[in-house]
Protein backbone atom coordinates (compact mmCIF):
# COMPACT_ATOMS: atom_id res chain seq x y z
CA MET A 1 5.14 -22.30 -7.05
CA ASN A 2 5.00 -22.93 -3.45
CA LYS A 3 1.63 -24.00 -2.25
CA ASN A 4 2.03 -22.47 1.20
CA TYR A 5 2.59 -19.03 -0.25
CA TYR A 6 -0.25 -16.46 0.08
CA ALA A 7 -0.63 -12.72 -0.23
CA VAL A 8 -3.02 -10.05 0.87
CA ILE A 9 -3.26 -6.93 -1.17
CA MET A 10 -4.49 -3.91 0.77
CA ALA A 11 -6.84 -1.95 -1.53
CA GLY A 12 -9.30 -0.21 0.58
CA GLY A 13 -7.64 3.32 0.68
CA VAL A 14 -9.27 6.50 -0.89
CA GLY A 15 -6.01 8.15 -1.97
CA SER A 16 -7.37 11.70 -1.42
CA ARG A 17 -4.05 13.45 -2.21
CA PHE A 18 -4.48 12.27 -5.79
CA TRP A 19 -7.71 14.12 -6.44
CA PRO A 20 -9.17 14.64 -8.90
CA VAL A 21 -8.08 11.47 -10.38
CA SER A 22 -8.55 9.62 -7.30
CA THR A 23 -12.07 9.89 -5.66
CA PRO A 24 -14.01 8.09 -2.96
CA ASP A 25 -15.96 6.21 -5.69
CA ASN A 26 -12.82 5.37 -7.74
CA PRO A 27 -9.59 5.67 -5.76
CA LYS A 28 -6.06 5.78 -7.10
CA GLN A 29 -5.39 1.91 -7.01
CA PHE A 30 -7.96 1.45 -9.68
CA HIS A 31 -6.26 4.08 -12.06
CA ASP A 32 -3.30 3.86 -14.43
CA MET A 33 -1.38 6.49 -12.52
CA LEU A 34 1.94 5.70 -14.35
CA GLY A 35 0.61 5.49 -17.74
CA THR A 36 1.75 1.96 -18.24
CA GLY A 37 -1.67 0.60 -19.50
CA LYS A 38 -2.23 -1.08 -16.24
CA SER A 39 -3.85 0.16 -12.96
CA LEU A 40 -1.70 0.02 -9.76
CA ILE A 41 -3.79 -2.86 -8.36
CA GLN A 42 -3.27 -4.83 -11.64
CA GLN A 43 0.50 -4.16 -11.47
CA THR A 44 0.59 -5.25 -7.77
CA PHE A 45 -1.22 -8.51 -8.44
CA ASP A 46 0.84 -9.33 -11.55
CA ARG A 47 4.04 -8.68 -9.40
CA LEU A 48 3.05 -10.95 -6.60
CA SER A 49 1.95 -13.60 -9.01
CA LYS A 50 5.50 -14.17 -10.03
CA LEU A 51 6.00 -15.91 -6.65
CA ILE A 52 2.59 -16.68 -5.23
CA PRO A 53 -0.09 -18.76 -6.94
CA SER A 54 -2.77 -16.25 -8.32
CA ASP A 55 -5.70 -18.24 -6.69
CA GLN A 56 -3.85 -17.64 -3.38
CA ILE A 57 -3.73 -13.84 -3.73
CA LEU A 58 -6.44 -12.22 -1.59
CA VAL A 59 -7.70 -8.56 -1.94
CA ALA A 60 -8.92 -6.75 1.11
CA THR A 61 -10.94 -3.71 0.29
CA ASN A 62 -14.06 -1.81 1.24
CA GLU A 63 -17.39 -3.48 0.23
CA ARG A 64 -18.20 -0.48 -2.06
CA TYR A 65 -15.10 -1.42 -4.31
CA LYS A 66 -16.17 -5.05 -5.06
CA GLU A 67 -17.11 -4.49 -8.59
CA LEU A 68 -13.94 -2.32 -9.18
CA VAL A 69 -11.81 -5.26 -8.01
CA MET A 70 -13.61 -7.74 -10.19
CA ASP A 71 -13.34 -5.45 -13.08
CA HIS A 72 -9.54 -4.86 -12.68
CA LEU A 73 -8.74 -8.48 -11.68
CA PRO A 74 -11.35 -10.70 -13.63
CA SER A 75 -9.45 -13.86 -12.99
CA ILE A 76 -9.92 -13.93 -9.20
CA SER A 77 -12.84 -15.65 -7.45
CA GLU A 78 -15.21 -13.86 -4.93
CA ASN A 79 -13.71 -15.92 -2.24
CA GLN A 80 -10.42 -14.07 -2.83
CA ILE A 81 -11.98 -10.68 -2.03
CA LEU A 82 -12.25 -9.71 1.61
CA LEU A 83 -15.01 -7.02 1.95
CA GLU A 84 -14.69 -4.70 4.79
CA PRO A 85 -18.20 -3.30 5.75
CA ALA A 86 -16.57 -0.56 7.89
CA MET A 87 -13.18 1.28 7.92
CA ARG A 88 -11.31 -0.18 10.85
CA ASN A 89 -7.70 0.48 9.76
CA THR A 90 -5.22 -2.35 9.06
CA ALA A 91 -5.23 -4.62 12.10
CA PRO A 92 -8.83 -6.03 11.82
CA CYS A 93 -8.38 -6.55 8.04
CA ILE A 94 -5.08 -8.46 8.53
CA LEU A 95 -6.56 -10.61 11.28
CA TYR A 96 -9.45 -11.34 9.09
CA ALA A 97 -7.21 -12.41 6.23
CA ALA A 98 -4.89 -14.53 8.52
CA LEU A 99 -7.81 -16.49 9.84
CA LYS A 100 -9.17 -17.03 6.31
CA ILE A 101 -5.91 -18.13 5.04
CA ALA A 102 -5.02 -20.40 8.11
CA ASP A 103 -8.41 -22.09 7.51
CA GLN A 104 -7.36 -22.90 4.03
CA ASN A 105 -3.80 -23.78 4.99
CA PRO A 106 -2.38 -23.98 8.47
CA ASP A 107 1.26 -24.04 7.04
CA ALA A 108 0.66 -20.95 5.05
CA VAL A 109 3.09 -17.96 4.95
CA MET A 110 1.74 -14.74 3.72
CA ILE A 111 2.74 -11.35 2.66
CA VAL A 112 0.66 -8.22 3.20
CA ALA A 113 1.30 -5.45 0.70
CA PRO A 114 -0.46 -2.11 -0.25
CA SER A 115 -2.06 -2.08 -3.71
CA ASP A 116 -0.75 1.32 -4.72
CA HIS A 117 2.98 1.36 -4.40
CA PHE A 118 5.63 1.70 -7.18
CA ILE A 119 8.29 -0.79 -7.44
CA GLU A 120 10.90 -0.34 -10.17
CA ASP A 121 12.92 -3.60 -9.96
CA GLU A 122 10.33 -6.24 -9.57
CA GLU A 123 12.79 -9.18 -9.79
CA ALA A 124 14.67 -7.80 -6.85
CA PHE A 125 11.38 -7.42 -4.93
CA VAL A 126 10.42 -10.94 -5.49
CA SER A 127 13.85 -12.17 -4.46
CA TYR A 128 13.51 -10.27 -1.11
CA VAL A 129 10.11 -11.57 -0.53
CA ALA A 130 11.34 -15.15 -1.16
CA SER A 131 13.98 -14.66 1.24
CA ALA A 132 11.54 -13.41 3.94
CA PHE A 133 9.15 -16.30 3.17
CA ASP A 134 11.92 -18.77 3.82
CA SER A 135 12.89 -17.11 7.16
CA CYS A 136 9.20 -17.01 8.15
CA GLN A 137 8.63 -20.60 7.42
CA LYS A 138 11.52 -21.62 9.69
CA ASN A 139 11.03 -19.24 12.51
CA ASP A 140 8.24 -17.84 14.78
CA ILE A 141 8.89 -14.16 13.61
CA LEU A 142 7.10 -11.15 12.18
CA MET A 143 9.07 -9.73 9.01
CA THR A 144 8.84 -6.43 7.34
CA LEU A 145 10.80 -5.04 4.40
CA GLY A 146 12.58 -1.92 5.30
CA ILE A 147 13.76 0.43 2.42
CA LYS A 148 17.32 1.67 2.34
CA PRO A 149 16.92 5.51 2.71
CA SER A 150 18.12 7.63 -0.35
CA GLY A 151 17.73 10.93 1.94
CA PRO A 152 16.14 12.27 5.01
CA ASN A 153 12.59 11.92 3.88
CA THR A 154 10.04 13.20 6.49
CA GLY A 155 7.12 11.57 4.74
CA TYR A 156 7.88 8.04 5.84
CA GLY A 157 8.02 6.19 9.17
CA TYR A 158 11.55 4.67 10.14
CA ILE A 159 12.70 1.25 11.44
CA GLN A 160 15.77 1.06 13.61
CA PHE A 161 17.41 -2.23 13.53
CA GLU A 162 20.25 -4.07 15.74
CA ALA A 163 23.66 -4.04 13.83
CA ALA A 164 24.30 -7.39 12.39
CA GLU A 165 26.06 -8.82 9.26
CA LYS A 166 23.05 -11.10 8.66
CA GLU A 167 20.34 -10.20 5.98
CA VAL A 168 17.65 -10.57 8.47
CA LYS A 169 18.04 -7.97 11.35
CA LYS A 170 16.16 -7.69 14.54
CA VAL A 171 14.10 -4.66 14.98
CA LYS A 172 14.69 -2.14 17.82
CA ASN A 173 11.87 0.07 17.31
CA PHE A 174 9.64 1.89 14.97
CA THR A 175 9.42 5.79 14.67
CA GLU A 176 6.44 7.82 13.12
CA LYS A 177 7.20 10.33 10.48
CA PRO A 178 10.12 12.59 11.96
CA ASP A 179 11.02 16.18 11.36
CA LEU A 180 13.86 16.89 9.07
CA LYS A 181 16.43 17.16 11.83
CA THR A 182 15.61 13.81 13.18
CA ALA A 183 15.54 12.18 9.84
CA GLU A 184 19.03 13.54 9.09
CA LYS A 185 20.23 12.18 12.54
CA PHE A 186 18.68 8.68 11.53
CA LEU A 187 20.59 8.56 8.22
CA ALA A 188 23.83 9.71 9.85
CA GLN A 189 23.51 6.79 12.39
CA GLY A 190 23.14 4.30 9.61
CA ASP A 191 20.78 1.91 11.41
CA TYR A 192 17.42 3.24 10.11
CA LEU A 193 15.35 2.10 7.30
CA TRP A 194 12.19 3.50 5.78
CA ASN A 195 8.97 1.67 6.70
CA ALA A 196 7.23 0.58 3.50
CA GLY A 197 4.32 -1.05 5.27
CA ILE A 198 5.00 -4.51 3.71
CA PHE A 199 4.85 -7.48 6.06
CA ILE A 200 5.64 -11.18 5.83
CA TRP A 201 4.86 -13.90 8.45
CA SER A 202 3.46 -17.28 8.85
CA ALA A 203 -0.32 -17.31 9.60
CA LYS A 204 0.57 -19.14 12.86
CA SER A 205 2.94 -16.46 13.95
CA VAL A 206 0.74 -13.44 13.27
CA LEU A 207 -2.31 -15.16 14.87
CA ASN A 208 -0.29 -15.85 17.97
CA SER A 209 0.70 -12.15 17.92
CA PHE A 210 -3.03 -11.12 17.87
CA ARG A 211 -3.91 -13.53 20.68
CA ARG A 212 -1.17 -11.77 22.87
CA SER A 213 -1.38 -8.28 21.85
CA LEU A 214 -5.07 -7.73 20.82
CA PRO A 215 -6.95 -10.44 22.70
CA ALA A 216 -10.44 -8.62 22.47
CA MET A 217 -10.10 -8.41 18.68
CA TYR A 218 -8.98 -12.09 18.41
CA SER A 219 -11.90 -13.25 20.56
CA LEU A 220 -14.30 -11.25 18.28
CA PHE A 221 -13.13 -12.83 15.20
CA GLU A 222 -12.66 -16.27 16.69
CA ALA A 223 -16.25 -16.48 17.13
CA GLY A 224 -16.46 -16.93 13.38
CA MET A 225 -14.12 -19.90 13.05
CA THR A 226 -16.67 -22.07 11.52
CA CYS A 227 -17.48 -19.36 9.01
CA TRP A 228 -14.20 -18.79 7.14
CA ASN A 229 -14.43 -19.86 3.41
CA THR A 230 -18.18 -20.83 3.70
CA ASP A 231 -21.45 -19.17 2.72
CA GLN A 232 -21.67 -17.72 6.34
CA GLU A 233 -18.54 -15.74 6.11
CA ALA A 234 -19.85 -12.72 4.63
CA ALA A 235 -22.88 -12.51 7.04
CA PHE A 236 -20.46 -12.87 10.03
CA ILE A 237 -18.20 -10.13 8.74
CA ARG A 238 -21.21 -7.80 8.22
CA ASP A 239 -22.42 -8.38 11.67
CA TYR A 240 -19.23 -8.09 13.76
CA TYR A 241 -16.41 -6.52 11.68
CA GLY A 242 -17.64 -3.02 12.68
CA GLU A 243 -17.22 -3.91 16.45
CA ALA A 244 -13.46 -4.40 15.91
CA GLU A 245 -11.03 -1.78 17.40
CA ASN A 246 -9.97 0.89 14.88
CA ILE A 247 -6.19 0.29 15.05
CA SER A 248 -3.26 -0.18 12.71
CA ILE A 249 -1.25 -3.31 12.49
CA ASP A 250 1.92 -1.25 13.45
CA TYR A 251 0.51 0.04 16.70
CA GLY A 252 -1.56 -2.97 17.54
CA ILE A 253 1.01 -5.71 16.87
CA MET A 254 4.38 -4.72 15.32
CA GLU A 255 5.29 -2.18 18.12
CA LYS A 256 4.41 -4.53 20.90
CA ALA A 257 6.04 -7.69 19.73
CA ASP A 258 9.50 -8.83 20.55
CA ASN A 259 10.01 -11.05 17.49
CA VAL A 260 9.95 -8.49 14.75
CA TYR A 261 12.74 -8.63 12.09
CA VAL A 262 13.55 -6.58 8.83
CA ILE A 263 15.32 -7.06 5.73
CA ALA A 264 17.08 -3.97 4.43
CA SER A 265 15.92 -3.78 0.87
CA GLU A 266 16.55 -1.93 -2.41
CA PHE A 267 14.02 -2.36 -5.22
CA GLY A 268 13.24 1.16 -6.34
CA TRP A 269 10.27 1.80 -3.94
CA ASN A 270 7.93 4.74 -3.67
CA ASP A 271 4.65 4.79 -1.81
CA LEU A 272 3.02 6.99 -4.45
CA GLY A 273 1.29 9.11 -1.71
CA THR A 274 1.10 12.40 -3.62
CA TRP A 275 1.48 13.95 -7.02
CA GLY A 276 4.88 15.05 -6.11
CA SER A 277 6.06 11.47 -5.18
CA LEU A 278 4.54 10.34 -8.64
CA TYR A 279 6.39 13.19 -10.50
CA ASP A 280 9.68 11.92 -8.84
CA LYS A 281 9.17 8.33 -10.45
CA LEU A 282 8.18 9.37 -13.97
CA ASP A 283 10.31 9.81 -16.99
CA LYS A 284 10.66 13.58 -17.87
CA ASP A 285 11.34 15.70 -20.98
CA GLN A 286 14.35 17.82 -21.29
CA GLU A 287 12.60 20.64 -19.34
CA GLU A 288 11.74 18.15 -16.49
CA ASN A 289 8.05 18.07 -17.21
CA ALA A 290 6.37 14.59 -16.34
CA LEU A 291 3.38 13.50 -18.45
CA VAL A 292 0.76 10.75 -18.09
CA ASN A 293 -1.48 9.83 -20.86
CA ALA A 294 -0.70 13.47 -22.40
CA ARG A 295 1.05 14.76 -25.35
CA GLY A 296 2.62 18.16 -24.70
CA TYR A 297 3.63 21.36 -26.50
CA PHE A 298 5.48 23.53 -24.09
CA THR A 299 7.15 26.99 -24.06
CA ASP A 300 8.85 28.34 -21.01
CA ALA A 301 7.40 25.52 -18.99
CA LYS A 302 9.41 23.39 -16.58
CA ARG A 303 9.06 20.82 -13.86
CA ASN A 304 5.32 20.37 -14.27
CA MET A 305 3.33 17.33 -13.40
CA ILE A 306 0.69 16.73 -15.98
CA SER A 307 -1.84 13.99 -16.10
CA THR A 308 -4.93 13.96 -18.45
CA GLU A 309 -7.28 11.62 -20.23
CA VAL A 310 -5.50 9.36 -22.78
CA ASN A 311 -3.86 11.25 -25.66
CA LYS A 312 -5.01 14.58 -24.70
CA LYS A 313 -2.93 17.37 -26.25
CA VAL A 314 -1.57 19.81 -23.78
CA VAL A 315 -0.32 23.26 -24.57
CA ILE A 316 1.44 25.24 -21.85
CA ASP A 317 3.29 28.61 -21.97
CA GLY A 318 4.97 30.32 -18.95
CA ILE A 319 3.89 27.91 -16.26
CA SER A 320 6.38 26.05 -14.15
CA ASP A 321 6.41 23.79 -10.91
CA PHE A 322 2.62 23.10 -11.22
CA ILE A 323 0.31 20.13 -10.95
CA ILE A 324 -1.88 20.02 -13.91
CA VAL A 325 -4.51 17.36 -13.81
CA GLU A 326 -7.61 16.99 -16.10
CA THR A 327 -10.41 14.53 -15.60
CA GLU A 328 -13.89 14.19 -17.17
CA ASP A 329 -15.43 16.70 -14.97
CA THR A 330 -12.49 18.48 -13.27
CA LEU A 331 -9.38 20.57 -14.08
CA LEU A 332 -6.78 21.15 -11.39
CA ILE A 333 -3.90 23.72 -11.68
CA TYR A 334 -2.08 23.75 -8.52
CA PRO A 335 1.46 24.61 -7.39
CA LYS A 336 3.50 21.73 -6.59
CA SER A 337 4.94 23.48 -3.39
CA LYS A 338 1.39 23.50 -1.98
CA GLU A 339 0.49 19.79 -2.90
CA GLN A 340 -0.29 18.83 0.71
CA GLY A 341 -3.29 21.07 0.40
CA ILE A 342 -4.83 19.16 -2.31
CA LYS A 343 -6.80 16.93 0.14
CA GLU A 344 -8.36 19.88 1.92
CA VAL A 345 -9.16 21.52 -1.42
CA SER A 346 -10.98 18.54 -2.56
CA LYS A 347 -13.31 18.78 0.48
CA ALA A 348 -13.93 22.47 -0.12
CA VAL A 349 -14.74 21.65 -3.82
CA GLU A 350 -17.12 18.89 -2.62
CA SER A 351 -18.70 21.34 -0.25
CA LYS A 352 -19.30 23.83 -2.95
CA PHE A 353 -20.22 21.60 -5.95
CA GLY A 354 -21.29 18.12 -4.43
CA ALA A 355 -19.62 14.87 -4.52
CA VAL A 356 -16.03 15.17 -6.14
């Protein structure tokens, strides 16, 4: 494996739309959401390990999840875990990771990837990442993997690219989640991709971008240059991380830079943001019911999303198009058509019964 290849797994999210399985104390990336026997973060780590040395895969997460990371990834060292003492979006976290990696290897190229995405064709994914790494080693560019859209999805951001026969295409602009009419227009034009939030660049290139676009943030972290990969690193982060601007890498860096490129990719991607998106990717029975960890006996029941404790027997009669989720202390029975309300429902339940 290439000694210059590094990865950062972003694993600090709460995943509130997957309540009641995903909770603030134990979010979705630490659950076997797909019923494969592995949690999402374990699947992500294994996928990246096909290309990147496992001791060069870092995990960025909130400090409250340190033990969960260690439990799910027992092979990694504590120096591979970047603990965020405050929630400051993705830009500060990525700057922290890039500085830490550059201190270890000034020639490093790195991928930043979420911990909780579904990728069906892992070999294709690895091939795209290898191609992006190659481009970023040779050029001062910021790269992202764009997903060829299968429909006018309004739940994703979009990337417009300049027409070119080359695999690596220059990005024109980024667009936040559009309405349906706009999404349909994007697909008709043929020069738009879904934004998967997967980034590749050399440590040098992204650090130069931070110097130009977020100089105050760079100066804040630059004060810790002698701390990276030492016993002083954790104390520096605890003292200064909370002072960083709360801003995403998209707004802070990618939308400002003029050296952003994209590879149009196809590897069976889904961001697994909701129970409905999980339902779309699961195998289903002849009545289109999807089950995770459950065994079902159904009568007049169709198109349900069902998740339970392992091997739970579930009997359903006369219920269709529902999300049915059972955990140790909660049972959710909720219409699929209203799933965007689950986040607010979890807050209401917490208000009534205490922490969810």
